[in-house]
Amino acid sequence: SSTRVGRPVKGCRAAVAWVGVSALVIGAGGCSAVGPSYHGPPAAAIANAPAAREAFVSASGPAFSQEAVPSAWWRLYDAPPLDALVKEALGANTDLREARANLARSAALLREAMAQRQPSVEINAAPSYQQLSAASYLHSGYVAPLGLYDVGLSVSYDLDLFGRLRRAVEAASADDEAVKAAYDLTQVNVAAEVGRAYADVCDAGEQLAVARHSLQLQRESAEVTRRLVEAGRSPRLDFTRSSELVAQISANIPQLEAQRINALYRLATLTGRPPADYPRSVESCATAPRLAGPLPVGDGAALLRRRPDVREAERLLAAATARIGVTTADLYPQVTLGASAGSTGALSDVLTRPTNRFGLGIGIHWQANQSGARARIAQANAAAQLALARFDGVVLTALRDTESALTTYAHDLQRDDDLAAAQARALEAEREANQLYLAGKIDFLSLLDAQRTLDGAEDALAASHAELATDQVRIFLTLGGGWQ
């Protein structure tokens, strides 16, 4: 009995030895892979052009510095409420939750691709208790029920002599890195949207403060005019015109209040809250966030390394290049080594010589008609060219958007200085006109014109402050800041 049990064990050992020999063959033959090897964007890619890696053309003025862009750019504003909102959004934003789920899915896909390079091991066991049919064995008597079993172990390994599986892992790895870059891009967008919504809240608050102050001054002016009319020193028309200006200023306030509350609703949804649960802590903000010093912008080379959409496009190019090798490997034979061992029979004869089995083999699969494989190679090459074109397009868009944002901000800064000077002159002119009107030296139309000019100048200056805050957020967005 011991002898009969021992011999199949030797067969199992032979199967294991066969797998070991297979591993040695893998090490000897699996050292190259067909298809192009990706070592970075080609030399002709726009990202490698000198002009794409130099300092920005529009960042030569005093409004900008060549320092590196900080990841948490919003901290430059020194606004604790903004810091808290961005932190909350990066943890609870629904877009980021989706992106994190995509990260987990991508990591699982990569593990699946890597698993294809591991030996395939299958174990089966099927014990049963059966009443066999005597007639099926051409037996006229009775066959007693008996216990049967079937157990086995099979191992197979794709030698991957031409790198099909290795290229597939390269492609999956590049896809996974592209998904990580997409997650970083989502963080950039979320941080920018929070910064923009926060700025909109504060901008609307500042414009509301200006409008309410102008309304208060105009109501006081209208009251003075009413008294002058009652005293017979001014015609009734002066009071009517003054009241009309009061109504015009008052009409702007509801729109500004709607802008403010809508921006608060945006902040709520960006931080994963219902609109009704908007952050009350910033509701009273009335000063637009704005950096007084130069904006750190770096250069083109740093931009292309930092922007997640550029990294995502580059990784997709790498994946498309690796898939050329996957399809090219279909032109060559696919060699698989295998070994199996098992035992099948009655439970009473378990693991005896008559019930034991084992096998060793090699499988070669090769598609003789290769027209389909060559067509797939052509598709893969076209897909790689498409990915390169998209990569170049993303790079160009990144550079263009950055230069445009910098140019707009520089000109808006100059416009803001001019508007501030105009507002100061309009304020001085309104004060002088008010004194001259009270002294009876000018008519009410001259005073009304000065008041309207001042009101317009203050509105324009407040709107300019809002635009500058939006410009700064747009610059940090185009620079790709907001992820770590």
Protein backbone atom coordinates (compact mmCIF):
# COMPACT_ATOMS: atom_id res chain seq x y z
CA SER A 1 0.00 0.00 0.00
CA SER A 2 2.76 2.48 0.88
CA THR A 3 4.50 1.70 -2.41
CA ARG A 4 1.41 2.43 -4.43
CA VAL A 5 0.86 5.74 -2.73
CA GLY A 6 4.49 6.81 -3.15
CA ARG A 7 4.73 6.60 -6.92
CA PRO A 8 2.16 9.25 -7.80
CA VAL A 9 3.97 11.60 -5.44
CA LYS A 10 6.98 11.26 -7.73
CA GLY A 11 4.73 12.25 -10.62
CA CYS A 12 3.69 15.39 -8.76
CA ARG A 13 7.34 16.16 -8.12
CA ALA A 14 8.00 15.80 -11.82
CA ALA A 15 5.24 18.31 -12.53
CA VAL A 16 6.75 20.74 -10.07
CA ALA A 17 10.17 20.24 -11.64
CA TRP A 18 8.64 20.96 -15.04
CA VAL A 19 7.33 24.27 -13.76
CA GLY A 20 10.80 25.07 -12.40
CA VAL A 21 12.38 24.36 -15.78
CA SER A 22 9.73 26.61 -17.32
CA ALA A 23 10.80 29.44 -15.05
CA LEU A 24 14.40 29.05 -16.26
CA VAL A 25 13.23 29.18 -19.86
CA ILE A 26 11.29 32.34 -19.10
CA GLY A 27 14.38 33.98 -17.71
CA ALA A 28 16.44 32.98 -20.74
CA GLY A 29 13.95 33.76 -23.50
CA GLY A 30 11.80 36.52 -22.06
CA CYS A 31 14.35 39.32 -22.20
CA SER A 32 13.00 41.38 -25.09
CA ALA A 33 9.67 42.75 -26.22
CA VAL A 34 8.49 43.62 -29.70
CA GLY A 35 7.16 47.04 -30.54
CA PRO A 36 8.56 50.50 -29.71
CA SER A 37 9.86 51.17 -26.20
CA TYR A 38 8.61 54.44 -24.76
CA HIS A 39 11.21 56.66 -23.09
CA GLY A 40 9.28 59.94 -23.14
CA PRO A 41 7.65 62.20 -25.72
CA PRO A 42 9.44 62.17 -29.09
CA ALA A 43 11.96 64.90 -29.83
CA ALA A 44 9.51 66.53 -32.25
CA ALA A 45 6.84 66.90 -29.54
CA ILE A 46 5.95 70.51 -28.77
CA ALA A 47 6.76 69.95 -25.10
CA ASN A 48 10.43 69.59 -26.10
CA ALA A 49 10.53 72.84 -28.08
CA PRO A 50 12.77 75.49 -26.42
CA ALA A 51 10.05 78.13 -26.69
CA ALA A 52 7.70 75.92 -24.66
CA ARG A 53 10.12 75.66 -21.75
CA GLU A 54 11.31 79.24 -21.38
CA ALA A 55 9.99 82.05 -19.21
CA PHE A 56 6.50 83.30 -20.04
CA VAL A 57 6.39 86.19 -22.49
CA SER A 58 3.63 87.92 -20.51
CA ALA A 59 5.32 87.56 -17.10
CA SER A 60 8.08 90.13 -17.56
CA GLY A 61 6.35 92.90 -15.61
CA PRO A 62 6.57 93.74 -11.91
CA ALA A 63 3.25 92.00 -11.25
CA PHE A 64 4.94 88.60 -11.55
CA SER A 65 7.90 86.74 -10.11
CA GLN A 66 9.78 83.72 -11.44
CA GLU A 67 9.49 81.86 -8.15
CA ALA A 68 7.93 78.41 -8.10
CA VAL A 69 4.17 78.19 -7.74
CA PRO A 70 3.22 76.84 -4.30
CA SER A 71 0.96 73.81 -4.28
CA ALA A 72 -1.45 75.38 -1.80
CA TRP A 73 -1.57 78.73 -3.60
CA TRP A 74 -4.70 79.85 -1.75
CA ARG A 75 -2.66 80.24 1.42
CA LEU A 76 -0.92 83.21 -0.20
CA TYR A 77 -4.08 85.21 0.52
CA ASP A 78 -3.70 84.67 4.28
CA ALA A 79 -7.45 84.08 4.54
CA PRO A 80 -8.23 81.36 7.12
CA PRO A 81 -11.86 80.97 5.94
CA LEU A 82 -10.62 80.22 2.41
CA ASP A 83 -8.08 77.71 3.75
CA ALA A 84 -10.78 75.91 5.68
CA LEU A 85 -13.15 75.81 2.70
CA VAL A 86 -10.52 74.39 0.34
CA LYS A 87 -9.52 71.76 2.89
CA GLU A 88 -13.14 70.76 3.36
CA ALA A 89 -13.76 70.62 -0.38
CA LEU A 90 -10.70 68.45 -1.03
CA GLY A 91 -12.10 65.95 1.44
CA ALA A 92 -15.83 65.99 0.63
CA ASN A 93 -16.31 67.23 -2.93
CA THR A 94 -18.38 64.78 -4.98
CA ASP A 95 -16.18 65.13 -8.10
CA LEU A 96 -13.17 64.14 -6.01
CA ARG A 97 -15.07 61.20 -4.57
CA GLU A 98 -15.71 60.01 -8.12
CA ALA A 99 -12.05 60.54 -8.96
CA ARG A 100 -10.98 58.49 -5.93
CA ALA A 101 -13.27 55.67 -7.05
CA ASN A 102 -11.63 55.82 -10.48
CA LEU A 103 -8.25 55.58 -8.76
CA ALA A 104 -9.29 52.41 -6.96
CA ARG A 105 -10.70 50.91 -10.16
CA SER A 106 -7.55 51.78 -12.11
CA ALA A 107 -5.32 50.19 -9.47
CA ALA A 108 -7.41 47.01 -9.68
CA LEU A 109 -7.09 46.96 -13.47
CA LEU A 110 -3.32 47.27 -13.13
CA ARG A 111 -3.22 44.37 -10.67
CA GLU A 112 -5.28 42.31 -13.10
CA ALA A 113 -2.83 43.04 -15.94
CA MET A 114 0.13 42.12 -13.74
CA ALA A 115 -1.58 38.91 -12.69
CA GLN A 116 -1.54 37.76 -16.33
CA ARG A 117 2.23 37.38 -16.03
CA GLN A 118 1.91 35.01 -13.07
CA PRO A 119 1.42 31.24 -13.36
CA SER A 120 -2.18 30.17 -13.69
CA VAL A 121 -2.99 27.63 -10.98
CA GLU A 122 -6.27 25.74 -10.91
CA ILE A 123 -7.37 23.33 -8.19
CA ASN A 124 -10.51 21.23 -8.42
CA ALA A 125 -12.14 18.74 -6.07
CA ALA A 126 -15.45 16.95 -6.73
CA PRO A 127 -16.35 14.22 -4.20
CA SER A 128 -19.73 12.55 -4.66
CA TYR A 129 -21.85 9.60 -3.55
CA GLN A 130 -23.64 7.94 -6.47
CA GLN A 131 -25.97 5.10 -7.37
CA LEU A 132 -24.69 3.97 -10.75
CA SER A 133 -26.95 2.42 -13.35
CA ALA A 134 -26.19 -1.27 -13.82
CA ALA A 135 -27.76 -1.24 -17.28
CA SER A 136 -25.32 1.43 -18.44
CA TYR A 137 -22.57 -1.11 -17.80
CA LEU A 138 -24.59 -3.92 -19.50
CA HIS A 139 -24.95 -5.55 -16.12
CA SER A 140 -28.17 -7.22 -15.08
CA GLY A 141 -27.47 -7.22 -11.40
CA TYR A 142 -27.43 -4.53 -8.75
CA VAL A 143 -24.54 -2.05 -8.36
CA ALA A 144 -24.17 -0.86 -4.81
CA PRO A 145 -23.88 2.91 -4.22
CA LEU A 146 -20.32 4.09 -3.82
CA GLY A 147 -18.33 7.19 -3.13
CA LEU A 148 -16.41 8.79 -6.02
CA TYR A 149 -13.95 11.62 -6.17
CA ASP A 150 -12.04 13.73 -8.67
CA VAL A 151 -9.21 16.02 -7.50
CA GLY A 152 -6.57 17.76 -9.55
CA LEU A 153 -4.02 20.52 -9.79
CA SER A 154 -3.05 22.20 -13.06
CA VAL A 155 -0.42 24.90 -13.63
CA SER A 156 0.16 26.82 -16.84
CA TYR A 157 2.48 29.69 -17.69
CA ASP A 158 2.64 31.93 -20.74
CA LEU A 159 6.35 32.30 -21.57
CA ASP A 160 5.67 35.73 -23.08
CA LEU A 161 8.69 35.30 -25.34
CA PHE A 162 7.82 38.39 -27.40
CA GLY A 163 6.63 40.66 -24.62
CA ARG A 164 2.88 40.74 -25.24
CA LEU A 165 2.09 40.56 -21.52
CA ARG A 166 4.93 42.91 -20.57
CA ARG A 167 3.67 45.53 -23.00
CA ALA A 168 0.16 45.04 -21.65
CA VAL A 169 1.45 45.74 -18.12
CA GLU A 170 3.28 48.83 -19.43
CA ALA A 171 0.05 50.08 -20.98
CA ALA A 172 -1.99 49.38 -17.84
CA SER A 173 0.64 51.08 -15.68
CA ALA A 174 0.61 54.17 -17.91
CA ASP A 175 -3.19 54.21 -17.85
CA ASP A 176 -3.10 54.04 -14.05
CA GLU A 177 -0.70 57.00 -13.92
CA ALA A 178 -3.00 58.90 -16.28
CA VAL A 179 -5.90 58.30 -13.89
CA LYS A 180 -3.76 59.62 -11.03
CA ALA A 181 -3.03 62.74 -13.09
CA ALA A 182 -6.77 63.11 -13.76
CA TYR A 183 -7.35 62.96 -10.01
CA ASP A 184 -4.77 65.72 -9.52
CA LEU A 185 -6.55 67.75 -12.21
CA THR A 186 -9.81 67.38 -10.34
CA GLN A 187 -8.11 68.69 -7.20
CA VAL A 188 -6.80 71.67 -9.15
CA ASN A 189 -10.25 72.45 -10.50
CA VAL A 190 -11.97 72.02 -7.14
CA ALA A 191 -9.48 74.31 -5.38
CA ALA A 192 -9.88 76.92 -8.13
CA GLU A 193 -13.68 76.73 -8.03
CA VAL A 194 -13.67 77.18 -4.26
CA GLY A 195 -11.32 80.16 -4.62
CA ARG A 196 -13.50 81.66 -7.34
CA ALA A 197 -16.73 81.15 -5.39
CA TYR A 198 -15.16 82.61 -2.24
CA ALA A 199 -13.94 85.60 -4.26
CA ASP A 200 -17.43 86.04 -5.75
CA VAL A 201 -18.96 86.11 -2.27
CA CYS A 202 -16.49 88.75 -1.09
CA ASP A 203 -16.69 90.71 -4.35
CA ALA A 204 -20.48 90.86 -4.15
CA GLY A 205 -20.17 91.90 -0.50
CA GLU A 206 -17.77 94.69 -1.44
CA GLN A 207 -20.00 95.91 -4.25
CA LEU A 208 -23.01 95.74 -1.94
CA ALA A 209 -21.16 97.87 0.61
CA VAL A 210 -20.33 100.43 -2.09
CA ALA A 211 -23.90 100.43 -3.38
CA ARG A 212 -25.40 100.82 0.08
CA HIS A 213 -22.99 103.62 0.93
CA SER A 214 -23.82 105.39 -2.32
CA LEU A 215 -27.52 104.86 -1.62
CA GLN A 216 -27.16 106.38 1.85
CA LEU A 217 -25.32 109.43 0.50
CA GLN A 218 -27.83 109.89 -2.30
CA ARG A 219 -30.75 109.65 0.10
CA GLU A 220 -29.11 112.33 2.24
CA SER A 221 -28.64 114.47 -0.88
CA ALA A 222 -32.27 113.92 -1.86
CA GLU A 223 -33.36 114.97 1.62
CA VAL A 224 -31.32 118.20 1.36
CA THR A 225 -32.85 118.85 -2.05
CA ARG A 226 -36.33 118.29 -0.65
CA ARG A 227 -35.72 120.89 2.04
CA LEU A 228 -34.41 123.35 -0.51
CA VAL A 229 -37.51 122.77 -2.62
CA GLU A 230 -39.77 123.34 0.38
CA ALA A 231 -37.83 126.52 1.19
CA GLY A 232 -38.34 127.74 -2.35
CA ARG A 233 -34.64 127.71 -3.19
CA SER A 234 -34.85 124.87 -5.76
CA PRO A 235 -37.47 123.79 -8.29
CA ARG A 236 -39.51 120.62 -7.73
CA LEU A 237 -37.71 119.01 -10.69
CA ASP A 238 -34.45 118.88 -8.71
CA PHE A 239 -36.03 116.67 -6.06
CA THR A 240 -37.56 114.42 -8.74
CA ARG A 241 -34.18 113.93 -10.39
CA SER A 242 -32.51 113.25 -7.06
CA SER A 243 -35.16 110.68 -6.19
CA GLU A 244 -34.66 109.03 -9.58
CA LEU A 245 -30.95 108.51 -8.83
CA VAL A 246 -31.88 107.00 -5.46
CA ALA A 247 -34.12 104.50 -7.23
CA GLN A 248 -31.41 103.65 -9.79
CA ILE A 249 -28.85 102.90 -7.09
CA SER A 250 -31.37 100.93 -5.06
CA ALA A 251 -32.26 98.82 -8.10
CA ASN A 252 -28.70 97.42 -8.27
CA ILE A 253 -28.75 96.02 -4.74
CA PRO A 254 -31.08 93.00 -5.25
CA GLN A 255 -28.93 91.76 -8.14
CA LEU A 256 -25.78 91.97 -6.02
CA GLU A 257 -27.49 90.18 -3.15
CA ALA A 258 -28.52 87.39 -5.54
CA GLN A 259 -24.92 87.09 -6.78
CA ARG A 260 -23.68 86.81 -3.22
CA ILE A 261 -26.14 84.15 -2.10
CA ASN A 262 -25.65 82.15 -5.32
CA ALA A 263 -21.89 82.15 -4.70
CA LEU A 264 -22.57 80.88 -1.16
CA TYR A 265 -24.69 78.08 -2.63
CA ARG A 266 -21.77 77.16 -4.91
CA LEU A 267 -19.45 77.01 -1.92
CA ALA A 268 -21.89 74.69 -0.18
CA THR A 269 -22.08 72.20 -3.05
CA LEU A 270 -18.32 72.36 -3.64
CA THR A 271 -17.77 71.30 -0.04
CA GLY A 272 -20.30 68.48 -0.27
CA ARG A 273 -23.16 70.24 1.51
CA PRO A 274 -26.75 71.03 0.50
CA PRO A 275 -27.18 74.66 -0.66
CA ALA A 276 -29.20 75.53 2.43
CA ASP A 277 -26.18 74.58 4.55
CA TYR A 278 -23.94 77.22 2.99
CA PRO A 279 -20.97 78.46 5.09
CA ARG A 280 -22.27 81.27 7.30
CA SER A 281 -18.72 82.18 8.29
CA VAL A 282 -18.04 83.92 4.97
CA GLU A 283 -21.50 85.40 4.47
CA SER A 284 -20.40 88.82 5.71
CA CYS A 285 -17.14 88.98 3.73
CA ALA A 286 -16.89 92.38 2.03
CA THR A 287 -13.25 92.53 0.95
CA ALA A 288 -12.20 90.78 -2.23
CA PRO A 289 -9.17 88.49 -1.71
CA ARG A 290 -6.23 89.91 -3.59
CA LEU A 291 -2.48 89.48 -3.46
CA ALA A 292 -0.68 92.76 -3.03
CA GLY A 293 2.72 91.44 -4.14
CA PRO A 294 3.95 89.80 -7.34
CA LEU A 295 2.38 86.49 -8.34
CA PRO A 296 4.80 83.50 -8.45
CA VAL A 297 4.47 81.92 -11.90
CA GLY A 298 7.67 79.96 -12.62
CA ASP A 299 8.41 79.14 -16.27
CA GLY A 300 7.15 76.96 -19.11
CA ALA A 301 9.21 73.91 -18.16
CA ALA A 302 7.82 73.93 -14.61
CA LEU A 303 4.32 74.45 -15.98
CA LEU A 304 4.51 71.38 -18.21
CA ARG A 305 5.81 69.25 -15.34
CA ARG A 306 3.18 70.51 -12.93
CA ARG A 307 -0.05 70.68 -14.94
CA PRO A 308 -1.99 67.44 -14.40
CA ASP A 309 -3.70 67.55 -17.80
CA VAL A 310 -0.29 67.62 -19.51
CA ARG A 311 0.90 64.67 -17.41
CA GLU A 312 -2.34 62.81 -18.13
CA ALA A 313 -1.96 63.31 -21.90
CA GLU A 314 1.69 62.21 -21.75
CA ARG A 315 0.82 59.03 -19.86
CA LEU A 316 -1.94 58.21 -22.35
CA LEU A 317 0.67 58.60 -25.10
CA ALA A 318 2.89 56.12 -23.25
CA ALA A 319 -0.02 53.67 -22.94
CA ALA A 320 -0.86 53.96 -26.64
CA THR A 321 2.80 53.32 -27.54
CA ALA A 322 2.91 50.19 -25.34
CA ARG A 323 -0.20 48.82 -27.04
CA ILE A 324 1.65 48.80 -30.36
CA GLY A 325 3.86 46.10 -28.80
CA VAL A 326 0.81 44.20 -27.54
CA THR A 327 -0.64 43.95 -31.05
CA THR A 328 2.76 43.33 -32.69
CA ALA A 329 3.28 40.28 -30.46
CA ASP A 330 0.26 38.70 -32.16
CA LEU A 331 2.45 38.15 -35.22
CA TYR A 332 4.56 35.66 -33.27
CA PRO A 333 3.79 32.32 -31.62
CA GLN A 334 2.37 32.27 -28.13
CA VAL A 335 4.10 29.54 -26.11
CA THR A 336 2.58 28.13 -22.92
CA LEU A 337 4.02 25.51 -20.58
CA GLY A 338 1.73 23.39 -18.47
CA ALA A 339 1.67 20.66 -15.87
CA SER A 340 -1.14 18.84 -14.17
CA ALA A 341 -1.59 16.13 -11.56
CA GLY A 342 -4.65 14.57 -10.04
CA SER A 343 -6.55 11.51 -8.94
CA THR A 344 -9.95 10.19 -9.99
CA GLY A 345 -11.79 7.08 -8.82
CA ALA A 346 -13.61 5.48 -5.95
CA LEU A 347 -13.09 6.81 -2.47
CA SER A 348 -11.95 3.36 -1.40
CA ASP A 349 -9.05 3.59 -3.87
CA VAL A 350 -8.07 7.18 -3.11
CA LEU A 351 -4.52 8.06 -4.27
CA THR A 352 -3.72 4.51 -5.42
CA ARG A 353 -1.81 3.97 -8.66
CA PRO A 354 -4.87 3.18 -10.83
CA THR A 355 -6.51 6.45 -9.83
CA ASN A 356 -3.54 8.82 -10.15
CA ARG A 357 -2.59 10.84 -13.21
CA PHE A 358 -0.19 13.59 -14.22
CA GLY A 359 0.83 15.35 -17.41
CA LEU A 360 3.42 17.75 -18.80
CA GLY A 361 3.04 19.71 -21.97
CA ILE A 362 3.86 22.69 -24.08
CA GLY A 363 1.33 24.63 -26.11
CA ILE A 364 2.13 26.71 -29.18
CA HIS A 365 -0.49 28.98 -30.67
CA TRP A 366 0.21 30.93 -33.83
CA GLN A 367 -2.22 32.65 -36.14
CA ALA A 368 -1.20 31.70 -39.67
CA ASN A 369 -3.40 34.30 -41.36
CA GLN A 370 -1.89 37.54 -40.03
CA SER A 371 -3.93 40.07 -41.96
CA GLY A 372 -6.10 40.74 -38.90
CA ALA A 373 -3.06 41.15 -36.65
CA ARG A 374 -1.46 43.60 -39.08
CA ALA A 375 -4.67 45.57 -39.22
CA ARG A 376 -4.67 45.79 -35.42
CA ILE A 377 -1.05 46.97 -35.51
CA ALA A 378 -2.03 49.71 -37.94
CA GLN A 379 -4.84 50.72 -35.59
CA ALA A 380 -2.45 50.82 -32.64
CA ASN A 381 0.02 52.98 -34.58
CA ALA A 382 -2.77 55.37 -35.55
CA ALA A 383 -3.93 55.49 -31.93
CA ALA A 384 -0.39 56.43 -30.84
CA GLN A 385 -0.28 59.22 -33.43
CA LEU A 386 -3.65 60.42 -32.18
CA ALA A 387 -2.38 60.40 -28.59
CA LEU A 388 0.69 62.40 -29.66
CA ALA A 389 -1.48 64.97 -31.43
CA ARG A 390 -3.66 65.27 -28.34
CA PHE A 391 -0.60 65.63 -26.14
CA ASP A 392 0.73 68.44 -28.34
CA GLY A 393 -2.70 70.06 -28.25
CA VAL A 394 -2.87 69.93 -24.45
CA VAL A 395 0.61 71.46 -24.22
CA LEU A 396 -0.30 74.28 -26.61
CA THR A 397 -3.55 74.95 -24.78
CA ALA A 398 -1.75 75.05 -21.43
CA LEU A 399 0.81 77.56 -22.70
CA ARG A 400 -1.80 79.67 -24.46
CA ASP A 401 -4.18 79.79 -21.50
CA THR A 402 -1.34 80.73 -19.16
CA GLU A 403 -0.01 83.50 -21.39
CA SER A 404 -3.55 84.82 -21.90
CA ALA A 405 -4.29 84.79 -18.18
CA LEU A 406 -1.06 86.62 -17.40
CA THR A 407 -1.70 89.22 -20.10
CA THR A 408 -5.26 89.82 -18.92
CA TYR A 409 -4.16 90.23 -15.32
CA ALA A 410 -1.37 92.68 -16.18
CA HIS A 411 -3.75 94.88 -18.17
CA ASP A 412 -6.50 94.60 -15.55
CA LEU A 413 -4.00 95.78 -12.94
CA GLN A 414 -3.29 98.89 -15.00
CA ARG A 415 -7.00 99.43 -15.51
CA ASP A 416 -7.59 99.09 -11.77
CA ASP A 417 -4.99 101.78 -11.05
CA ASP A 418 -6.66 104.09 -13.57
CA LEU A 419 -10.10 103.41 -12.10
CA ALA A 420 -8.81 104.13 -8.59
CA ALA A 421 -7.46 107.47 -9.79
CA ALA A 422 -10.75 108.22 -11.57
CA GLN A 423 -12.73 107.35 -8.44
CA ALA A 424 -10.58 109.69 -6.35
CA ARG A 425 -11.11 112.54 -8.81
CA ALA A 426 -14.83 111.82 -9.04
CA LEU A 427 -15.10 111.91 -5.23
CA GLU A 428 -13.32 115.25 -5.09
CA ALA A 429 -15.49 116.63 -7.89
CA GLU A 430 -18.69 115.50 -6.16
CA ARG A 431 -17.69 117.18 -2.91
CA GLU A 432 -16.90 120.44 -4.68
CA ALA A 433 -20.13 120.30 -6.69
CA ASN A 434 -22.14 119.71 -3.52
CA GLN A 435 -20.57 122.75 -1.84
CA LEU A 436 -21.18 124.93 -4.91
CA TYR A 437 -24.79 123.76 -5.16
CA LEU A 438 -25.52 124.52 -1.52
CA ALA A 439 -23.97 127.94 -2.08
CA GLY A 440 -26.25 128.50 -5.06
CA LYS A 441 -23.38 128.80 -7.56
CA ILE A 442 -24.34 125.84 -9.80
CA ASP A 443 -27.65 124.24 -10.72
CA PHE A 444 -28.82 120.84 -9.59
CA LEU A 445 -28.07 119.18 -12.93
CA SER A 446 -24.36 119.87 -12.41
CA LEU A 447 -24.52 118.32 -8.93
CA LEU A 448 -26.52 115.36 -10.22
CA ASP A 449 -23.98 114.77 -12.97
CA ALA A 450 -21.13 114.78 -10.41
CA GLN A 451 -23.02 112.35 -8.20
CA ARG A 452 -23.72 109.97 -11.07
CA THR A 453 -20.10 110.12 -12.13
CA LEU A 454 -18.98 109.23 -8.61
CA ASP A 455 -21.47 106.41 -8.36
CA GLY A 456 -20.29 104.96 -11.67
CA ALA A 457 -16.63 105.33 -10.69
CA GLU A 458 -17.15 103.52 -7.38
CA ASP A 459 -19.09 100.72 -9.06
CA ALA A 460 -16.42 100.33 -11.72
CA LEU A 461 -13.64 100.22 -9.12
CA ALA A 462 -15.45 97.58 -7.05
CA ALA A 463 -16.08 95.53 -10.19
CA SER A 464 -12.40 95.89 -11.09
CA HIS A 465 -11.39 94.52 -7.70
CA ALA A 466 -13.66 91.54 -8.34
CA GLU A 467 -12.12 91.00 -11.76
CA LEU A 468 -8.60 91.09 -10.32
CA ALA A 469 -9.51 88.45 -7.75
CA THR A 470 -10.95 86.26 -10.53
CA ASP A 471 -7.85 86.88 -12.66
CA GLN A 472 -5.56 85.66 -9.90
CA VAL A 473 -7.54 82.47 -9.38
CA ARG A 474 -7.54 81.91 -13.14
CA ILE A 475 -3.74 82.28 -13.24
CA PHE A 476 -3.24 79.71 -10.48
CA LEU A 477 -5.66 77.39 -12.28
CA THR A 478 -3.81 77.66 -15.59
CA LEU A 479 -0.49 77.18 -13.79
CA GLY A 480 -1.79 73.88 -12.42
CA GLY A 481 -1.50 74.73 -8.74
CA GLY A 482 -3.65 73.04 -6.14
CA TRP A 483 -2.42 69.48 -5.71
CA GLN A 484 0.36 67.90 -3.69
